[in-house]
Amino acid sequence: MFQHHSGPHQTFLPALSYLLSPSMRKQQLNRLRNAAKRFEQGLPVLTSRALELTSRGATALHRINAKVSSSSLLKKFKHIAKQ
C-alpha cells in the first residue's frame, strides 16, 4: 500500500522544520494547542491554516510509511506549544 522512495525524508523535512521552527507565530501555536485540546475531548475542530499544515504533515508522514496520525501530530504540537 505504501510506496518506498529513495530519500523520502528529504521531501518532508522542509515542511516539518517550518512547522517546528521558532519563527512559527505564537498565534499558530495557540491555535494548535486549542485544537489539540478540543480534538482530545472529541469536540469539533475549526479549520485553520495551522491545522491544514498539520493535516498535510500527517499525510506526508503516511506517504513515507511512518505510522503517525493527525491525532499524534496534534499531541506533538501541543507538547511543543507548552514549552
C-alpha atoms as a PDB file:
ATOM      1  CA  MET A   1       0.000   0.000   0.000  1.00  0.00           C
ATOM      2  CA  PHE A   2       2.800   2.406   0.843  1.00  0.00           C
ATOM      3  CA  GLN A   3       5.458   3.108  -1.733  1.00  0.00           C
ATOM      4  CA  HIS A   4       9.080   3.416  -0.741  1.00  0.00           C
ATOM      5  CA  HIS A   5      11.005   6.257  -2.328  1.00  0.00           C
ATOM      6  CA  SER A   6      14.709   6.965  -2.175  1.00  0.00           C
ATOM      7  CA  GLY A   7      15.288   9.665   0.427  1.00  0.00           C
ATOM      8  CA  PRO A   8      11.614  10.183   1.345  1.00  0.00           C
ATOM      9  CA  HIS A   9      12.516  12.282   4.369  1.00  0.00           C
ATOM     10  CA  GLN A  10      14.133  14.920   2.170  1.00  0.00           C
ATOM     11  CA  THR A  11      10.782  16.000   0.743  1.00  0.00           C
ATOM     12  CA  PHE A  12       9.077  16.147   4.134  1.00  0.00           C
ATOM     13  CA  LEU A  13      11.817  17.731   6.264  1.00  0.00           C
ATOM     14  CA  PRO A  14      11.378  21.304   4.945  1.00  0.00           C
ATOM     15  CA  ALA A  15       7.668  21.240   5.813  1.00  0.00           C
ATOM     16  CA  LEU A  16       8.360  19.732   9.236  1.00  0.00           C
ATOM     17  CA  SER A  17      11.172  22.169  10.000  1.00  0.00           C
ATOM     18  CA  TYR A  18       8.827  25.041   9.109  1.00  0.00           C
ATOM     19  CA  LEU A  19       6.165  23.717  11.477  1.00  0.00           C
ATOM     20  CA  LEU A  20       8.690  23.235  14.277  1.00  0.00           C
ATOM     21  CA  SER A  21      10.696  26.413  13.633  1.00  0.00           C
ATOM     22  CA  PRO A  22      10.954  29.070  16.369  1.00  0.00           C
ATOM     23  CA  SER A  23       9.642  31.604  13.858  1.00  0.00           C
ATOM     24  CA  MET A  24       6.247  29.916  13.897  1.00  0.00           C
ATOM     25  CA  ARG A  25       3.898  32.581  15.164  1.00  0.00           C
ATOM     26  CA  LYS A  26       2.570  32.372  18.699  1.00  0.00           C
ATOM     27  CA  GLN A  27      -0.940  32.617  17.282  1.00  0.00           C
ATOM     28  CA  GLN A  28      -0.401  29.438  15.260  1.00  0.00           C
ATOM     29  CA  LEU A  29       0.927  27.623  18.322  1.00  0.00           C
ATOM     30  CA  ASN A  30      -2.116  28.759  20.301  1.00  0.00           C
ATOM     31  CA  ARG A  31      -4.409  27.510  17.537  1.00  0.00           C
ATOM     32  CA  LEU A  32      -2.676  24.138  17.577  1.00  0.00           C
ATOM     33  CA  ARG A  33      -2.820  23.944  21.369  1.00  0.00           C
ATOM     34  CA  ASN A  34      -6.519  24.804  21.460  1.00  0.00           C
ATOM     35  CA  ALA A  35      -7.271  22.464  18.562  1.00  0.00           C
ATOM     36  CA  ALA A  36      -5.405  19.646  20.306  1.00  0.00           C
ATOM     37  CA  LYS A  37      -7.456  20.164  23.476  1.00  0.00           C
ATOM     38  CA  ARG A  38     -10.737  20.155  21.527  1.00  0.00           C
ATOM     39  CA  PHE A  39      -9.588  17.186  19.436  1.00  0.00           C
ATOM     40  CA  GLU A  40      -8.790  15.121  22.549  1.00  0.00           C
ATOM     41  CA  GLN A  41     -12.186  15.979  24.073  1.00  0.00           C
ATOM     42  CA  GLY A  42     -13.916  14.820  20.901  1.00  0.00           C
ATOM     43  CA  LEU A  43     -15.156  18.324  20.097  1.00  0.00           C
ATOM     44  CA  PRO A  44     -15.302  19.690  16.542  1.00  0.00           C
ATOM     45  CA  VAL A  45     -12.129  21.431  15.434  1.00  0.00           C
ATOM     46  CA  LEU A  46     -12.403  24.537  13.293  1.00  0.00           C
ATOM     47  CA  THR A  47     -10.324  24.586  10.137  1.00  0.00           C
ATOM     48  CA  SER A  48      -7.330  26.912  10.235  1.00  0.00           C
ATOM     49  CA  ARG A  49      -4.105  27.330   8.296  1.00  0.00           C
ATOM     50  CA  ALA A  50      -2.186  25.662  11.132  1.00  0.00           C
ATOM     51  CA  LEU A  51      -4.466  22.619  11.109  1.00  0.00           C
ATOM     52  CA  GLU A  52      -4.256  22.446   7.332  1.00  0.00           C
ATOM     53  CA  LEU A  53      -0.459  22.292   7.616  1.00  0.00           C
ATOM     54  CA  THR A  54      -0.739  19.653  10.350  1.00  0.00           C
ATOM     55  CA  SER A  55      -3.011  17.586   8.133  1.00  0.00           C
ATOM     56  CA  ARG A  56      -0.581  17.878   5.225  1.00  0.00           C
ATOM     57  CA  GLY A  57       2.254  16.870   7.516  1.00  0.00           C
ATOM     58  CA  ALA A  58       0.362  13.774   8.629  1.00  0.00           C
ATOM     59  CA  THR A  59      -0.349  12.868   5.004  1.00  0.00           C
ATOM     60  CA  ALA A  60       3.324  13.293   4.130  1.00  0.00           C
ATOM     61  CA  LEU A  61       4.338  11.113   7.065  1.00  0.00           C
ATOM     62  CA  HIS A  62       1.922   8.404   5.932  1.00  0.00           C
ATOM     63  CA  ARG A  63       3.430   8.582   2.478  1.00  0.00           C
ATOM     64  CA  ILE A  64       6.880   7.829   3.874  1.00  0.00           C
ATOM     65  CA  ASN A  65       5.356   4.866   5.699  1.00  0.00           C
ATOM     66  CA  ALA A  66       5.626   6.339   9.186  1.00  0.00           C
ATOM     67  CA  LYS A  67       2.742   5.332  11.420  1.00  0.00           C
ATOM     68  CA  VAL A  68       1.836   8.819  12.569  1.00  0.00           C
ATOM     69  CA  SER A  69      -1.747  10.038  12.612  1.00  0.00           C
ATOM     70  CA  SER A  70      -3.182  13.551  12.701  1.00  0.00           C
ATOM     71  CA  SER A  71      -4.005  12.908  16.358  1.00  0.00           C
ATOM     72  CA  SER A  72      -0.419  12.133  17.354  1.00  0.00           C
ATOM     73  CA  LEU A  73       0.845  15.124  15.362  1.00  0.00           C
ATOM     74  CA  LEU A  74      -1.589  17.372  17.215  1.00  0.00           C
ATOM     75  CA  LYS A  75      -0.326  15.958  20.513  1.00  0.00           C
ATOM     76  CA  LYS A  76       3.259  16.591  19.395  1.00  0.00           C
ATOM     77  CA  PHE A  77       2.456  20.218  18.591  1.00  0.00           C
ATOM     78  CA  LYS A  78       0.534  20.569  21.848  1.00  0.00           C
ATOM     79  CA  HIS A  79       3.673  19.428  23.687  1.00  0.00           C
ATOM     80  CA  ILE A  80       5.810  21.908  21.715  1.00  0.00           C
ATOM     81  CA  ALA A  81       3.310  24.708  22.355  1.00  0.00           C
ATOM     82  CA  LYS A  82       3.609  24.140  26.118  1.00  0.00           C
ATOM     83  CA  GLN A  83       7.363  24.784  26.059  1.00  0.00           C
END
